[in-house]
Amino acid sequence: MTPAPRPAVGRDQQFSGHDFADLAGRFAEKLEHVRHHTEPRYVRTDWTRRNAELERDLLPVPPQDFLRHPAIRFQMFVDEYVVPHELPWIRTYVSDIEVLAESPVGAPPMFAVPDSSVQTSSNTVHQAYHLLRHQDASGRQLSEADTIVEWVADLAA
């Protein structure tokens, strides 16, 4: 397997607390602009409950640690059980482990990548793993893609 060029799966570490405060302050307004696009018949009952819980807890301004909210952790994060399998494969595939550097925005649960100073999350490892596996299987570089769409089949179940 030939090491690939550095893929664009890293996170921007330059996001400041001021940037977060600005975005968080506009969150309720932005949500109102898109709320009417929801088609209730396509929203599962459990998602309706979680959405109500998230609105109650995150509006009008989400806290800085919003990614630690139980509903977000449950639905949007994989646990660290994937790391022992996926991280070694990633390390053989990329030369610059910095691509796994996690943004601190939202205070995601992070861990130190062994033998490096990089802080990452199991989600970043999992996403990078799948993106790089796709790159490896398809022979197409991620840098060639204009858009990458995440399709999560179990959300439609």
N, C-alpha and C. Protein backbone atom coordinates (compact mmCIF):
# COMPACT_ATOMS: atom_id res chain seq x y z
N MET A 1 0.85 -1.17 0.00
CA MET A 1 0.00 0.00 0.00
C MET A 1 0.90 1.23 0.00
N THR A 2 0.65 2.15 -0.90
CA THR A 2 1.44 3.37 -1.01
C THR A 2 0.85 4.44 -0.12
N PRO A 3 1.68 5.10 0.70
CA PRO A 3 1.14 6.18 1.52
C PRO A 3 0.52 7.27 0.64
N ALA A 4 -0.63 7.73 1.05
CA ALA A 4 -1.34 8.76 0.30
C ALA A 4 -0.84 10.14 0.69
N PRO A 5 -1.06 11.12 -0.18
CA PRO A 5 -0.78 12.49 0.23
C PRO A 5 -1.67 12.84 1.42
N ARG A 6 -1.29 13.85 2.13
CA ARG A 6 -2.05 14.24 3.31
C ARG A 6 -3.50 14.56 2.93
N PRO A 7 -4.46 13.76 3.41
CA PRO A 7 -5.85 14.02 3.09
C PRO A 7 -6.40 15.16 3.94
N ALA A 8 -7.46 15.75 3.46
CA ALA A 8 -8.06 16.88 4.17
C ALA A 8 -9.06 16.37 5.19
N VAL A 9 -8.60 15.65 6.20
CA VAL A 9 -9.49 15.16 7.24
C VAL A 9 -9.16 15.77 8.59
N GLY A 10 -8.18 16.66 8.67
CA GLY A 10 -7.81 17.31 9.92
C GLY A 10 -8.79 18.40 10.29
N ARG A 11 -8.61 18.93 11.46
CA ARG A 11 -9.49 19.98 11.96
C ARG A 11 -8.72 21.29 12.10
N ASP A 12 -9.42 22.40 11.95
CA ASP A 12 -8.81 23.72 12.07
C ASP A 12 -8.65 24.05 13.55
N GLN A 13 -7.42 24.17 13.99
CA GLN A 13 -7.14 24.44 15.40
C GLN A 13 -7.22 25.92 15.74
N GLN A 14 -7.53 26.78 14.78
CA GLN A 14 -7.49 28.22 14.99
C GLN A 14 -8.84 28.80 15.41
N PHE A 15 -9.82 27.99 15.70
CA PHE A 15 -11.14 28.46 16.09
C PHE A 15 -11.07 28.97 17.51
N SER A 16 -11.45 30.20 17.74
CA SER A 16 -11.28 30.81 19.06
C SER A 16 -12.58 30.79 19.86
N GLY A 17 -12.44 31.05 21.15
CA GLY A 17 -13.61 31.16 22.02
C GLY A 17 -14.52 32.29 21.59
N HIS A 18 -13.93 33.36 21.06
CA HIS A 18 -14.72 34.48 20.56
C HIS A 18 -15.56 34.03 19.37
N ASP A 19 -14.97 33.25 18.46
CA ASP A 19 -15.71 32.71 17.32
C ASP A 19 -16.88 31.87 17.79
N PHE A 20 -16.63 31.02 18.81
CA PHE A 20 -17.70 30.17 19.32
C PHE A 20 -18.82 31.02 19.91
N ALA A 21 -18.46 32.01 20.71
CA ALA A 21 -19.48 32.87 21.33
C ALA A 21 -20.33 33.56 20.26
N ASP A 22 -19.69 34.00 19.20
CA ASP A 22 -20.41 34.65 18.11
C ASP A 22 -21.39 33.68 17.44
N LEU A 23 -20.90 32.49 17.10
CA LEU A 23 -21.77 31.50 16.46
C LEU A 23 -22.86 31.00 17.40
N ALA A 24 -22.50 30.74 18.65
CA ALA A 24 -23.47 30.25 19.62
C ALA A 24 -24.59 31.27 19.83
N GLY A 25 -24.22 32.54 19.82
CA GLY A 25 -25.22 33.59 20.01
C GLY A 25 -26.22 33.68 18.86
N ARG A 26 -25.86 33.16 17.71
CA ARG A 26 -26.75 33.18 16.54
C ARG A 26 -27.43 31.83 16.30
N PHE A 27 -27.18 30.86 17.15
CA PHE A 27 -27.67 29.50 16.93
C PHE A 27 -29.19 29.44 16.84
N ALA A 28 -29.90 30.03 17.80
CA ALA A 28 -31.37 29.96 17.81
C ALA A 28 -31.95 30.60 16.55
N GLU A 29 -31.38 31.72 16.14
CA GLU A 29 -31.84 32.40 14.93
C GLU A 29 -31.64 31.51 13.69
N LYS A 30 -30.49 30.88 13.59
CA LYS A 30 -30.20 30.02 12.44
C LYS A 30 -31.11 28.79 12.43
N LEU A 31 -31.38 28.25 13.61
CA LEU A 31 -32.28 27.10 13.70
C LEU A 31 -33.68 27.47 13.21
N GLU A 32 -34.15 28.64 13.59
CA GLU A 32 -35.47 29.09 13.14
C GLU A 32 -35.55 29.18 11.62
N HIS A 33 -34.46 29.57 10.97
CA HIS A 33 -34.46 29.70 9.51
C HIS A 33 -34.61 28.35 8.81
N VAL A 34 -34.20 27.27 9.44
CA VAL A 34 -34.25 25.96 8.78
C VAL A 34 -35.32 25.03 9.35
N ARG A 35 -35.92 25.42 10.44
CA ARG A 35 -36.90 24.55 11.12
C ARG A 35 -38.04 24.12 10.19
N HIS A 36 -38.50 24.99 9.33
CA HIS A 36 -39.64 24.66 8.46
C HIS A 36 -39.29 23.63 7.38
N HIS A 37 -38.03 23.28 7.25
CA HIS A 37 -37.63 22.27 6.26
C HIS A 37 -37.81 20.84 6.77
N THR A 38 -38.19 20.69 8.01
CA THR A 38 -38.37 19.36 8.59
C THR A 38 -39.72 18.80 8.17
N GLU A 39 -39.71 17.58 7.68
CA GLU A 39 -40.94 16.88 7.32
C GLU A 39 -41.22 15.87 8.44
N PRO A 40 -42.16 16.18 9.35
CA PRO A 40 -42.38 15.35 10.53
C PRO A 40 -42.59 13.87 10.26
N ARG A 41 -43.21 13.51 9.15
CA ARG A 41 -43.46 12.09 8.90
C ARG A 41 -42.17 11.30 8.65
N TYR A 42 -41.07 12.00 8.39
CA TYR A 42 -39.79 11.34 8.16
C TYR A 42 -38.88 11.35 9.39
N VAL A 43 -39.37 11.91 10.48
CA VAL A 43 -38.57 11.98 11.70
C VAL A 43 -39.04 10.89 12.66
N ARG A 44 -38.11 10.01 13.01
CA ARG A 44 -38.46 8.92 13.93
C ARG A 44 -38.87 9.49 15.28
N THR A 45 -39.68 8.74 16.00
CA THR A 45 -40.17 9.16 17.31
C THR A 45 -39.03 9.42 18.28
N ASP A 46 -38.01 8.56 18.28
CA ASP A 46 -36.90 8.77 19.20
C ASP A 46 -36.13 10.04 18.86
N TRP A 47 -36.05 10.39 17.57
CA TRP A 47 -35.39 11.64 17.19
C TRP A 47 -36.23 12.84 17.61
N THR A 48 -37.54 12.73 17.51
CA THR A 48 -38.41 13.82 17.95
C THR A 48 -38.17 14.11 19.42
N ARG A 49 -38.07 13.05 20.23
CA ARG A 49 -37.79 13.23 21.67
C ARG A 49 -36.41 13.86 21.88
N ARG A 50 -35.41 13.34 21.17
CA ARG A 50 -34.05 13.90 21.33
C ARG A 50 -33.98 15.35 20.86
N ASN A 51 -34.66 15.66 19.77
CA ASN A 51 -34.66 17.03 19.28
C ASN A 51 -35.28 17.97 20.31
N ALA A 52 -36.37 17.54 20.94
CA ALA A 52 -37.00 18.36 21.98
C ALA A 52 -36.05 18.54 23.16
N GLU A 53 -35.37 17.48 23.55
CA GLU A 53 -34.39 17.55 24.64
C GLU A 53 -33.25 18.51 24.27
N LEU A 54 -32.76 18.41 23.05
CA LEU A 54 -31.68 19.29 22.61
C LEU A 54 -32.13 20.75 22.58
N GLU A 55 -33.33 21.00 22.10
CA GLU A 55 -33.84 22.38 22.10
C GLU A 55 -33.94 22.91 23.52
N ARG A 56 -34.44 22.09 24.42
CA ARG A 56 -34.58 22.51 25.82
C ARG A 56 -33.22 22.84 26.42
N ASP A 57 -32.22 22.02 26.13
CA ASP A 57 -30.92 22.16 26.78
C ASP A 57 -29.93 23.07 26.05
N LEU A 58 -30.10 23.25 24.75
CA LEU A 58 -29.10 24.00 23.98
C LEU A 58 -29.56 25.38 23.51
N LEU A 59 -30.83 25.67 23.63
CA LEU A 59 -31.33 26.97 23.21
C LEU A 59 -31.56 27.87 24.42
N PRO A 60 -31.38 29.15 24.29
CA PRO A 60 -31.11 29.86 23.05
C PRO A 60 -29.62 29.86 22.66
N VAL A 61 -28.74 29.60 23.63
CA VAL A 61 -27.30 29.61 23.35
C VAL A 61 -26.70 28.30 23.86
N PRO A 62 -26.12 27.49 22.98
CA PRO A 62 -25.53 26.23 23.43
C PRO A 62 -24.31 26.46 24.31
N PRO A 63 -24.10 25.60 25.29
CA PRO A 63 -22.91 25.73 26.14
C PRO A 63 -21.66 25.33 25.35
N GLN A 64 -20.50 25.73 25.86
CA GLN A 64 -19.25 25.43 25.17
C GLN A 64 -18.99 23.93 25.06
N ASP A 65 -19.57 23.13 25.93
CA ASP A 65 -19.35 21.67 25.89
C ASP A 65 -20.54 20.93 25.28
N PHE A 66 -21.20 21.54 24.30
CA PHE A 66 -22.42 20.96 23.74
C PHE A 66 -22.23 19.56 23.18
N LEU A 67 -21.03 19.20 22.74
CA LEU A 67 -20.81 17.85 22.20
C LEU A 67 -20.83 16.77 23.28
N ARG A 68 -20.86 17.18 24.53
CA ARG A 68 -20.94 16.21 25.62
C ARG A 68 -22.39 15.98 26.09
N HIS A 69 -23.33 16.64 25.46
CA HIS A 69 -24.73 16.44 25.79
C HIS A 69 -25.07 14.97 25.54
N PRO A 70 -25.79 14.31 26.46
CA PRO A 70 -26.08 12.88 26.31
C PRO A 70 -26.75 12.51 24.99
N ALA A 71 -27.67 13.32 24.50
CA ALA A 71 -28.34 12.99 23.23
C ALA A 71 -27.37 13.06 22.06
N ILE A 72 -26.46 14.00 22.09
CA ILE A 72 -25.46 14.11 21.02
C ILE A 72 -24.46 12.97 21.13
N ARG A 73 -24.01 12.70 22.33
CA ARG A 73 -23.06 11.59 22.52
C ARG A 73 -23.66 10.27 22.05
N PHE A 74 -24.93 10.05 22.38
CA PHE A 74 -25.59 8.79 22.03
C PHE A 74 -25.73 8.62 20.52
N GLN A 75 -26.17 9.66 19.84
CA GLN A 75 -26.48 9.54 18.41
C GLN A 75 -25.31 9.88 17.49
N MET A 76 -24.40 10.70 17.92
CA MET A 76 -23.42 11.24 16.98
C MET A 76 -21.98 10.78 17.22
N PHE A 77 -21.72 10.08 18.29
CA PHE A 77 -20.35 9.68 18.58
C PHE A 77 -20.22 8.17 18.65
N VAL A 78 -19.11 7.68 18.13
CA VAL A 78 -18.75 6.29 18.36
C VAL A 78 -17.86 6.28 19.59
N ASP A 79 -17.91 5.21 20.33
CA ASP A 79 -17.05 5.12 21.51
C ASP A 79 -15.65 4.69 21.10
N GLU A 80 -14.76 4.67 22.05
CA GLU A 80 -13.36 4.39 21.76
C GLU A 80 -13.10 2.93 21.38
N TYR A 81 -14.11 2.08 21.35
CA TYR A 81 -13.90 0.68 20.97
C TYR A 81 -13.38 0.55 19.54
N VAL A 82 -13.60 1.55 18.68
CA VAL A 82 -13.12 1.48 17.30
C VAL A 82 -11.63 1.80 17.18
N VAL A 83 -11.11 2.52 18.14
CA VAL A 83 -9.74 3.04 18.04
C VAL A 83 -8.68 1.95 17.92
N PRO A 84 -8.70 0.88 18.73
CA PRO A 84 -7.64 -0.13 18.61
C PRO A 84 -7.56 -0.80 17.24
N HIS A 85 -8.65 -0.87 16.53
CA HIS A 85 -8.66 -1.46 15.19
C HIS A 85 -8.32 -0.43 14.11
N GLU A 86 -8.91 0.76 14.22
CA GLU A 86 -8.81 1.73 13.13
C GLU A 86 -7.55 2.59 13.18
N LEU A 87 -7.10 2.98 14.36
CA LEU A 87 -5.94 3.87 14.45
C LEU A 87 -4.66 3.23 13.90
N PRO A 88 -4.35 1.97 14.19
CA PRO A 88 -3.14 1.38 13.60
C PRO A 88 -3.18 1.37 12.07
N TRP A 89 -4.33 1.11 11.49
CA TRP A 89 -4.44 1.12 10.03
C TRP A 89 -4.18 2.53 9.50
N ILE A 90 -4.78 3.53 10.13
CA ILE A 90 -4.56 4.91 9.71
C ILE A 90 -3.08 5.26 9.79
N ARG A 91 -2.42 4.84 10.87
CA ARG A 91 -1.01 5.19 11.06
C ARG A 91 -0.12 4.57 9.99
N THR A 92 -0.51 3.44 9.42
CA THR A 92 0.29 2.86 8.34
C THR A 92 -0.01 3.54 7.01
N TYR A 93 -1.09 4.26 6.95
CA TYR A 93 -1.54 4.86 5.70
C TYR A 93 -1.13 6.32 5.55
N VAL A 94 -1.07 7.06 6.62
CA VAL A 94 -0.72 8.49 6.54
C VAL A 94 0.61 8.74 7.24
N SER A 95 1.36 9.64 6.68
CA SER A 95 2.67 9.95 7.27
C SER A 95 2.58 11.05 8.31
N ASP A 96 1.54 11.87 8.24
CA ASP A 96 1.41 12.99 9.17
C ASP A 96 0.19 12.78 10.05
N ILE A 97 0.42 12.32 11.26
CA ILE A 97 -0.67 12.01 12.19
C ILE A 97 -1.43 13.27 12.61
N GLU A 98 -0.89 14.44 12.30
CA GLU A 98 -1.56 15.71 12.60
C GLU A 98 -2.93 15.80 11.93
N VAL A 99 -3.16 15.00 10.88
CA VAL A 99 -4.47 15.05 10.22
C VAL A 99 -5.58 14.64 11.18
N LEU A 100 -5.23 13.98 12.27
CA LEU A 100 -6.23 13.55 13.25
C LEU A 100 -6.47 14.58 14.35
N ALA A 101 -5.77 15.71 14.31
CA ALA A 101 -5.92 16.72 15.36
C ALA A 101 -7.37 17.18 15.42
N GLU A 102 -7.94 17.10 16.61
CA GLU A 102 -9.35 17.42 16.83
C GLU A 102 -9.50 18.88 17.25
N SER A 103 -10.53 19.51 16.72
CA SER A 103 -10.87 20.86 17.16
C SER A 103 -11.46 20.76 18.57
N PRO A 104 -11.11 21.70 19.45
CA PRO A 104 -11.70 21.68 20.79
C PRO A 104 -13.12 22.24 20.84
N VAL A 105 -13.65 22.73 19.73
CA VAL A 105 -14.98 23.33 19.72
C VAL A 105 -16.01 22.29 20.15
N GLY A 106 -16.82 22.64 21.12
CA GLY A 106 -17.85 21.74 21.63
C GLY A 106 -17.36 20.80 22.70
N ALA A 107 -16.05 20.86 23.00
CA ALA A 107 -15.43 20.00 24.02
C ALA A 107 -15.68 18.52 23.76
N PRO A 108 -15.34 18.03 22.56
CA PRO A 108 -15.54 16.60 22.30
C PRO A 108 -14.65 15.76 23.21
N PRO A 109 -15.09 14.55 23.55
CA PRO A 109 -14.23 13.68 24.34
C PRO A 109 -13.00 13.31 23.52
N MET A 110 -11.82 13.64 24.04
CA MET A 110 -10.59 13.43 23.29
C MET A 110 -9.62 12.55 24.06
N PHE A 111 -8.63 12.05 23.33
CA PHE A 111 -7.54 11.28 23.92
C PHE A 111 -6.27 11.61 23.15
N ALA A 112 -5.13 11.32 23.74
CA ALA A 112 -3.85 11.55 23.08
C ALA A 112 -3.54 10.37 22.17
N VAL A 113 -3.16 10.68 20.93
CA VAL A 113 -2.70 9.64 20.02
C VAL A 113 -1.37 9.14 20.56
N PRO A 114 -1.23 7.84 20.80
CA PRO A 114 0.03 7.32 21.36
C PRO A 114 1.25 7.75 20.55
N ASP A 115 2.31 8.06 21.28
CA ASP A 115 3.59 8.46 20.69
C ASP A 115 3.49 9.73 19.85
N SER A 116 2.60 10.63 20.24
CA SER A 116 2.49 11.91 19.55
C SER A 116 1.91 12.94 20.52
N SER A 117 1.89 14.18 20.10
CA SER A 117 1.27 15.23 20.91
C SER A 117 -0.14 15.54 20.42
N VAL A 118 -0.64 14.76 19.49
CA VAL A 118 -1.95 15.01 18.87
C VAL A 118 -3.07 14.57 19.80
N GLN A 119 -4.05 15.46 19.98
CA GLN A 119 -5.28 15.14 20.68
C GLN A 119 -6.35 14.91 19.62
N THR A 120 -7.08 13.81 19.74
CA THR A 120 -8.11 13.49 18.76
C THR A 120 -9.31 12.88 19.48
N SER A 121 -10.31 12.52 18.72
CA SER A 121 -11.50 11.85 19.27
C SER A 121 -11.72 10.55 18.51
N SER A 122 -12.49 9.67 19.11
CA SER A 122 -12.82 8.42 18.41
C SER A 122 -13.60 8.71 17.14
N ASN A 123 -14.38 9.79 17.13
CA ASN A 123 -15.11 10.15 15.91
C ASN A 123 -14.19 10.54 14.78
N THR A 124 -13.18 11.33 15.09
CA THR A 124 -12.24 11.74 14.04
C THR A 124 -11.49 10.53 13.51
N VAL A 125 -11.08 9.64 14.40
CA VAL A 125 -10.41 8.40 13.97
C VAL A 125 -11.35 7.61 13.07
N HIS A 126 -12.60 7.45 13.48
CA HIS A 126 -13.57 6.66 12.73
C HIS A 126 -13.85 7.28 11.35
N GLN A 127 -14.05 8.59 11.30
CA GLN A 127 -14.29 9.26 10.02
C GLN A 127 -13.07 9.15 9.10
N ALA A 128 -11.88 9.39 9.65
CA ALA A 128 -10.65 9.30 8.85
C ALA A 128 -10.47 7.89 8.32
N TYR A 129 -10.74 6.91 9.16
CA TYR A 129 -10.61 5.51 8.75
C TYR A 129 -11.48 5.22 7.52
N HIS A 130 -12.75 5.62 7.59
CA HIS A 130 -13.65 5.34 6.48
C HIS A 130 -13.29 6.13 5.23
N LEU A 131 -12.90 7.37 5.40
CA LEU A 131 -12.48 8.16 4.24
C LEU A 131 -11.24 7.56 3.58
N LEU A 132 -10.28 7.17 4.39
CA LEU A 132 -9.05 6.60 3.85
C LEU A 132 -9.28 5.21 3.26
N ARG A 133 -10.18 4.42 3.86
CA ARG A 133 -10.52 3.12 3.28
C ARG A 133 -11.18 3.31 1.91
N HIS A 134 -12.03 4.30 1.81
CA HIS A 134 -12.65 4.61 0.51
C HIS A 134 -11.57 5.01 -0.50
N GLN A 135 -10.66 5.86 -0.07
CA GLN A 135 -9.58 6.29 -0.96
C GLN A 135 -8.76 5.09 -1.41
N ASP A 136 -8.46 4.20 -0.48
CA ASP A 136 -7.66 3.02 -0.79
C ASP A 136 -8.40 2.09 -1.76
N ALA A 137 -9.69 1.86 -1.50
CA ALA A 137 -10.47 0.93 -2.32
C ALA A 137 -10.78 1.50 -3.70
N SER A 138 -11.02 2.80 -3.77
CA SER A 138 -11.42 3.40 -5.05
C SER A 138 -10.23 3.85 -5.89
N GLY A 139 -9.09 4.05 -5.25
CA GLY A 139 -7.94 4.56 -5.97
C GLY A 139 -8.02 6.05 -6.27
N ARG A 140 -9.04 6.71 -5.76
CA ARG A 140 -9.21 8.15 -5.96
C ARG A 140 -8.78 8.88 -4.70
N GLN A 141 -8.04 9.95 -4.88
CA GLN A 141 -7.59 10.75 -3.77
C GLN A 141 -8.73 11.60 -3.22
N LEU A 142 -8.79 11.74 -1.91
CA LEU A 142 -9.81 12.58 -1.30
C LEU A 142 -9.72 14.01 -1.81
N SER A 143 -8.52 14.45 -2.11
CA SER A 143 -8.33 15.82 -2.59
C SER A 143 -8.98 16.05 -3.95
N GLU A 144 -9.35 14.98 -4.66
CA GLU A 144 -10.03 15.11 -5.95
C GLU A 144 -11.52 15.40 -5.78
N ALA A 145 -12.06 15.17 -4.61
CA ALA A 145 -13.50 15.32 -4.38
C ALA A 145 -13.84 16.77 -4.06
N ASP A 146 -14.85 17.28 -4.73
CA ASP A 146 -15.35 18.62 -4.41
C ASP A 146 -16.23 18.58 -3.17
N THR A 147 -16.96 17.48 -3.00
CA THR A 147 -17.90 17.34 -1.90
C THR A 147 -17.86 15.90 -1.40
N ILE A 148 -17.92 15.75 -0.09
CA ILE A 148 -18.04 14.42 0.50
C ILE A 148 -19.31 14.43 1.33
N VAL A 149 -20.22 13.50 1.02
CA VAL A 149 -21.49 13.41 1.72
C VAL A 149 -21.44 12.20 2.63
N GLU A 150 -21.82 12.41 3.88
CA GLU A 150 -21.87 11.29 4.82
C GLU A 150 -23.27 10.68 4.75
N TRP A 151 -23.32 9.40 4.41
CA TRP A 151 -24.59 8.69 4.39
C TRP A 151 -24.58 7.71 5.55
N VAL A 152 -25.54 7.85 6.44
CA VAL A 152 -25.62 6.98 7.61
C VAL A 152 -26.91 6.20 7.48
N ALA A 153 -26.79 4.98 7.00
CA ALA A 153 -27.98 4.19 6.68
C ALA A 153 -28.85 3.90 7.89
N ASP A 154 -28.26 3.70 9.06
CA ASP A 154 -29.08 3.33 10.21
C ASP A 154 -29.96 4.47 10.69
N LEU A 155 -29.71 5.70 10.28
CA LEU A 155 -30.59 6.79 10.67
C LEU A 155 -31.93 6.69 9.96
N ALA A 156 -31.97 5.97 8.86
CA ALA A 156 -33.22 5.82 8.12
C ALA A 156 -34.01 4.60 8.59
N ALA A 157 -33.42 3.82 9.47
CA ALA A 157 -34.07 2.58 9.91
C ALA A 157 -35.29 2.87 10.76
